[in-house]
Amino acid sequence: MAWSFVTDERLGIPLPHFDNDWEDYSEEERSIILLRWEEIRGTIPDHIKKLEQIIIKKQNHLNVEDNFKLSCQLNSEIAELAGTINELNLWFRVNQDVAPSAAHH
């Protein structure tokens, strides 16, 4: 198979991986790829909500944390989660009218 979906550990979702250019795939392959992508894409909002809940917990902890080193660590973790949410939002915008390869190839 000249394409697959590989789980991105940081994002927590499978992302498309293509060995060929989008135009080189048959209509049937494109349809299969897009159907799979839509299934994955549909999970992104719930995944973002879970990450937002983690951020809120970390922010609440940060609000009462007196240890400077731990506060810096919490800030770093919050920033990393926010970056993950931002990237997930970008992937969410890659819809069925645009080949998934348009976002990252």
N, C-alpha and C. Protein backbone atom coordinates (compact mmCIF):
# COMPACT_ATOMS: atom_id res chain seq x y z
N MET A 1 0.85 -1.18 0.00
CA MET A 1 0.00 0.00 0.00
C MET A 1 0.90 1.24 0.00
N ALA A 2 0.57 2.19 -0.84
CA ALA A 2 1.39 3.39 -0.98
C ALA A 2 0.89 4.54 -0.11
N TRP A 3 0.02 4.23 0.83
CA TRP A 3 -0.46 5.23 1.78
C TRP A 3 -0.86 4.53 3.07
N SER A 4 -0.86 5.30 4.13
CA SER A 4 -1.27 4.76 5.43
C SER A 4 -1.61 5.93 6.35
N PHE A 5 -2.14 5.57 7.50
CA PHE A 5 -2.37 6.55 8.56
C PHE A 5 -1.53 6.10 9.74
N VAL A 6 -0.65 6.99 10.17
CA VAL A 6 0.30 6.67 11.23
C VAL A 6 -0.04 7.53 12.45
N THR A 7 -0.20 6.89 13.60
CA THR A 7 -0.55 7.63 14.81
C THR A 7 0.59 8.56 15.23
N ASP A 8 0.24 9.82 15.39
CA ASP A 8 1.17 10.82 15.90
C ASP A 8 0.99 10.82 17.42
N GLU A 9 2.01 10.41 18.13
CA GLU A 9 1.90 10.26 19.59
C GLU A 9 1.58 11.59 20.27
N ARG A 10 2.16 12.68 19.79
CA ARG A 10 1.93 13.98 20.41
C ARG A 10 0.49 14.43 20.21
N LEU A 11 -0.03 14.26 19.00
CA LEU A 11 -1.39 14.70 18.71
C LEU A 11 -2.44 13.70 19.15
N GLY A 12 -2.06 12.44 19.22
CA GLY A 12 -2.99 11.41 19.67
C GLY A 12 -3.96 10.96 18.59
N ILE A 13 -3.66 11.27 17.34
CA ILE A 13 -4.51 10.84 16.23
C ILE A 13 -3.63 10.30 15.10
N PRO A 14 -4.20 9.43 14.28
CA PRO A 14 -3.46 8.98 13.09
C PRO A 14 -3.46 10.09 12.03
N LEU A 15 -2.31 10.29 11.41
CA LEU A 15 -2.18 11.27 10.34
C LEU A 15 -1.86 10.56 9.03
N PRO A 16 -2.27 11.16 7.91
CA PRO A 16 -2.02 10.52 6.62
C PRO A 16 -0.53 10.54 6.27
N HIS A 17 -0.10 9.46 5.66
CA HIS A 17 1.26 9.35 5.16
C HIS A 17 1.17 8.80 3.74
N PHE A 18 1.71 9.55 2.78
CA PHE A 18 1.61 9.16 1.38
C PHE A 18 2.99 8.92 0.80
N ASP A 19 3.10 7.85 0.03
CA ASP A 19 4.34 7.58 -0.69
C ASP A 19 4.30 8.21 -2.08
N ASN A 20 3.11 8.56 -2.55
CA ASN A 20 2.93 9.14 -3.88
C ASN A 20 2.23 10.49 -3.77
N ASP A 21 2.20 11.22 -4.87
CA ASP A 21 1.42 12.45 -4.94
C ASP A 21 -0.06 12.08 -4.97
N TRP A 22 -0.89 12.96 -4.44
CA TRP A 22 -2.33 12.73 -4.36
C TRP A 22 -2.92 12.36 -5.72
N GLU A 23 -2.46 13.04 -6.75
CA GLU A 23 -2.99 12.81 -8.09
C GLU A 23 -2.68 11.41 -8.62
N ASP A 24 -1.68 10.76 -8.06
CA ASP A 24 -1.27 9.43 -8.52
C ASP A 24 -2.16 8.31 -7.97
N TYR A 25 -3.03 8.62 -7.04
CA TYR A 25 -3.93 7.60 -6.49
C TYR A 25 -5.20 7.53 -7.32
N SER A 26 -5.76 6.33 -7.43
CA SER A 26 -7.00 6.15 -8.17
C SER A 26 -8.15 6.82 -7.42
N GLU A 27 -9.26 7.02 -8.11
CA GLU A 27 -10.45 7.59 -7.47
C GLU A 27 -10.90 6.71 -6.30
N GLU A 28 -10.82 5.40 -6.49
CA GLU A 28 -11.22 4.48 -5.42
C GLU A 28 -10.31 4.64 -4.20
N GLU A 29 -9.00 4.73 -4.42
CA GLU A 29 -8.08 4.92 -3.30
C GLU A 29 -8.32 6.25 -2.61
N ARG A 30 -8.53 7.28 -3.39
CA ARG A 30 -8.81 8.60 -2.80
C ARG A 30 -10.07 8.56 -1.94
N SER A 31 -11.09 7.89 -2.44
CA SER A 31 -12.34 7.78 -1.67
C SER A 31 -12.12 7.05 -0.35
N ILE A 32 -11.35 5.98 -0.38
CA ILE A 32 -11.05 5.21 0.83
C ILE A 32 -10.25 6.08 1.81
N ILE A 33 -9.26 6.78 1.28
CA ILE A 33 -8.43 7.65 2.13
C ILE A 33 -9.28 8.74 2.76
N LEU A 34 -10.12 9.39 1.95
CA LEU A 34 -10.94 10.49 2.47
C LEU A 34 -11.97 10.01 3.48
N LEU A 35 -12.53 8.83 3.25
CA LEU A 35 -13.47 8.27 4.22
C LEU A 35 -12.77 8.02 5.55
N ARG A 36 -11.60 7.42 5.49
CA ARG A 36 -10.83 7.16 6.73
C ARG A 36 -10.48 8.49 7.41
N TRP A 37 -10.06 9.48 6.61
CA TRP A 37 -9.70 10.77 7.19
C TRP A 37 -10.90 11.41 7.88
N GLU A 38 -12.07 11.33 7.27
CA GLU A 38 -13.27 11.90 7.88
C GLU A 38 -13.58 11.22 9.22
N GLU A 39 -13.36 9.92 9.30
CA GLU A 39 -13.56 9.20 10.57
C GLU A 39 -12.61 9.74 11.63
N ILE A 40 -11.36 9.92 11.26
CA ILE A 40 -10.35 10.44 12.20
C ILE A 40 -10.66 11.88 12.55
N ARG A 41 -10.95 12.67 11.54
CA ARG A 41 -11.24 14.10 11.71
C ARG A 41 -12.40 14.30 12.69
N GLY A 42 -13.38 13.42 12.63
CA GLY A 42 -14.54 13.52 13.50
C GLY A 42 -14.21 13.34 14.98
N THR A 43 -13.06 12.74 15.28
CA THR A 43 -12.67 12.54 16.68
C THR A 43 -11.91 13.73 17.25
N ILE A 44 -11.48 14.63 16.39
CA ILE A 44 -10.62 15.73 16.84
C ILE A 44 -11.30 16.65 17.86
N PRO A 45 -12.55 17.10 17.66
CA PRO A 45 -13.16 18.00 18.66
C PRO A 45 -13.20 17.40 20.08
N ASP A 46 -13.53 16.12 20.20
CA ASP A 46 -13.54 15.50 21.53
C ASP A 46 -12.14 15.42 22.11
N HIS A 47 -11.18 15.17 21.25
CA HIS A 47 -9.79 15.10 21.72
C HIS A 47 -9.34 16.48 22.22
N ILE A 48 -9.73 17.52 21.50
CA ILE A 48 -9.39 18.89 21.92
C ILE A 48 -10.04 19.20 23.27
N LYS A 49 -11.29 18.81 23.44
CA LYS A 49 -11.98 19.06 24.72
C LYS A 49 -11.25 18.40 25.88
N LYS A 50 -10.77 17.18 25.68
CA LYS A 50 -10.03 16.49 26.74
C LYS A 50 -8.74 17.24 27.08
N LEU A 51 -8.05 17.72 26.05
CA LEU A 51 -6.82 18.48 26.29
C LEU A 51 -7.12 19.80 27.00
N GLU A 52 -8.22 20.44 26.63
CA GLU A 52 -8.62 21.68 27.30
C GLU A 52 -8.91 21.45 28.78
N GLN A 53 -9.53 20.31 29.10
CA GLN A 53 -9.80 19.98 30.50
C GLN A 53 -8.49 19.79 31.27
N ILE A 54 -7.51 19.19 30.64
CA ILE A 54 -6.20 19.01 31.28
C ILE A 54 -5.56 20.37 31.51
N ILE A 55 -5.67 21.26 30.53
CA ILE A 55 -5.10 22.61 30.68
C ILE A 55 -5.76 23.33 31.85
N ILE A 56 -7.07 23.24 31.96
CA ILE A 56 -7.78 23.92 33.06
C ILE A 56 -7.29 23.40 34.41
N LYS A 57 -7.12 22.08 34.53
CA LYS A 57 -6.62 21.51 35.79
C LYS A 57 -5.22 22.03 36.09
N LYS A 58 -4.37 22.09 35.07
CA LYS A 58 -3.01 22.57 35.28
C LYS A 58 -3.00 24.06 35.63
N GLN A 59 -3.89 24.83 34.99
CA GLN A 59 -3.98 26.25 35.31
C GLN A 59 -4.45 26.46 36.75
N ASN A 60 -5.42 25.66 37.17
CA ASN A 60 -5.90 25.76 38.55
C ASN A 60 -4.77 25.42 39.53
N HIS A 61 -4.00 24.40 39.20
CA HIS A 61 -2.86 24.03 40.03
C HIS A 61 -1.83 25.17 40.04
N LEU A 62 -1.59 25.75 38.86
CA LEU A 62 -0.62 26.84 38.75
C LEU A 62 -1.05 28.05 39.59
N ASN A 63 -2.33 28.30 39.66
CA ASN A 63 -2.84 29.46 40.42
C ASN A 63 -2.52 29.38 41.91
N VAL A 64 -2.33 28.18 42.44
CA VAL A 64 -2.07 28.02 43.87
C VAL A 64 -0.65 27.51 44.15
N GLU A 65 0.13 27.31 43.10
CA GLU A 65 1.48 26.74 43.27
C GLU A 65 2.46 27.82 43.71
N ASP A 66 3.19 27.55 44.82
CA ASP A 66 4.17 28.49 45.34
C ASP A 66 5.59 28.14 44.90
N ASN A 67 5.81 26.92 44.48
CA ASN A 67 7.13 26.47 44.05
C ASN A 67 7.41 26.98 42.64
N PHE A 68 8.45 27.84 42.53
CA PHE A 68 8.76 28.46 41.25
C PHE A 68 9.11 27.44 40.18
N LYS A 69 9.91 26.46 40.53
CA LYS A 69 10.33 25.45 39.57
C LYS A 69 9.12 24.66 39.05
N LEU A 70 8.24 24.29 39.95
CA LEU A 70 7.03 23.57 39.54
C LEU A 70 6.11 24.46 38.72
N SER A 71 6.03 25.74 39.07
CA SER A 71 5.23 26.68 38.29
C SER A 71 5.75 26.77 36.85
N CYS A 72 7.06 26.81 36.68
CA CYS A 72 7.66 26.85 35.35
C CYS A 72 7.33 25.58 34.58
N GLN A 73 7.39 24.45 35.27
CA GLN A 73 7.07 23.17 34.63
C GLN A 73 5.60 23.14 34.18
N LEU A 74 4.71 23.60 35.05
CA LEU A 74 3.29 23.65 34.70
C LEU A 74 3.04 24.57 33.50
N ASN A 75 3.71 25.73 33.50
CA ASN A 75 3.58 26.65 32.37
C ASN A 75 4.03 26.00 31.08
N SER A 76 5.13 25.27 31.15
CA SER A 76 5.65 24.58 29.98
C SER A 76 4.68 23.52 29.48
N GLU A 77 4.11 22.75 30.40
CA GLU A 77 3.14 21.72 30.03
C GLU A 77 1.88 22.34 29.42
N ILE A 78 1.43 23.45 29.98
CA ILE A 78 0.26 24.14 29.44
C ILE A 78 0.55 24.64 28.03
N ALA A 79 1.73 25.20 27.81
CA ALA A 79 2.10 25.70 26.48
C ALA A 79 2.17 24.55 25.47
N GLU A 80 2.70 23.42 25.88
CA GLU A 80 2.79 22.25 25.00
C GLU A 80 1.38 21.76 24.63
N LEU A 81 0.50 21.69 25.60
CA LEU A 81 -0.88 21.26 25.33
C LEU A 81 -1.59 22.26 24.41
N ALA A 82 -1.36 23.55 24.64
CA ALA A 82 -1.97 24.58 23.78
C ALA A 82 -1.46 24.45 22.35
N GLY A 83 -0.17 24.16 22.19
CA GLY A 83 0.38 23.95 20.86
C GLY A 83 -0.23 22.73 20.18
N THR A 84 -0.46 21.69 20.96
CA THR A 84 -1.09 20.48 20.42
C THR A 84 -2.52 20.79 19.95
N ILE A 85 -3.25 21.55 20.76
CA ILE A 85 -4.61 21.95 20.38
C ILE A 85 -4.58 22.77 19.09
N ASN A 86 -3.64 23.68 18.99
CA ASN A 86 -3.53 24.50 17.79
C ASN A 86 -3.29 23.62 16.56
N GLU A 87 -2.40 22.67 16.66
CA GLU A 87 -2.11 21.79 15.53
C GLU A 87 -3.32 20.89 15.20
N LEU A 88 -4.01 20.43 16.22
CA LEU A 88 -5.22 19.64 15.99
C LEU A 88 -6.28 20.46 15.25
N ASN A 89 -6.39 21.73 15.61
CA ASN A 89 -7.34 22.60 14.91
C ASN A 89 -6.96 22.76 13.44
N LEU A 90 -5.67 22.84 13.15
CA LEU A 90 -5.23 22.91 11.76
C LEU A 90 -5.61 21.64 11.00
N TRP A 91 -5.37 20.50 11.62
CA TRP A 91 -5.73 19.23 10.98
C TRP A 91 -7.24 19.11 10.82
N PHE A 92 -7.99 19.64 11.77
CA PHE A 92 -9.46 19.57 11.67
C PHE A 92 -9.96 20.32 10.44
N ARG A 93 -9.26 21.38 10.07
CA ARG A 93 -9.66 22.18 8.91
C ARG A 93 -9.36 21.49 7.59
N VAL A 94 -8.56 20.43 7.63
CA VAL A 94 -8.29 19.65 6.41
C VAL A 94 -9.50 18.76 6.20
N ASN A 95 -10.39 19.20 5.31
CA ASN A 95 -11.65 18.47 5.14
C ASN A 95 -11.65 17.62 3.88
N GLN A 96 -12.77 17.02 3.60
CA GLN A 96 -12.85 16.06 2.50
C GLN A 96 -12.73 16.73 1.12
N ASP A 97 -12.88 18.03 1.05
CA ASP A 97 -12.72 18.71 -0.24
C ASP A 97 -11.27 18.99 -0.58
N VAL A 98 -10.40 18.82 0.43
CA VAL A 98 -8.98 19.04 0.24
C VAL A 98 -8.27 17.77 0.61
N ALA A 99 -7.36 17.33 -0.21
CA ALA A 99 -6.62 16.10 0.08
C ALA A 99 -5.84 16.29 1.37
N PRO A 100 -5.83 15.29 2.26
CA PRO A 100 -5.06 15.39 3.50
C PRO A 100 -3.60 15.76 3.24
N SER A 101 -3.07 15.40 2.10
CA SER A 101 -1.67 15.70 1.80
C SER A 101 -1.43 17.20 1.66
N ALA A 102 -2.47 17.98 1.49
CA ALA A 102 -2.30 19.41 1.35
C ALA A 102 -1.81 20.05 2.65
N ALA A 103 -2.09 19.44 3.77
CA ALA A 103 -1.66 19.99 5.05
C ALA A 103 -0.21 19.64 5.36
N HIS A 104 0.15 18.40 5.18
CA HIS A 104 1.52 17.94 5.44
C HIS A 104 1.85 16.83 4.47
N HIS A 105 2.95 16.96 3.79
CA HIS A 105 3.34 15.89 2.88
C HIS A 105 4.81 15.61 3.04
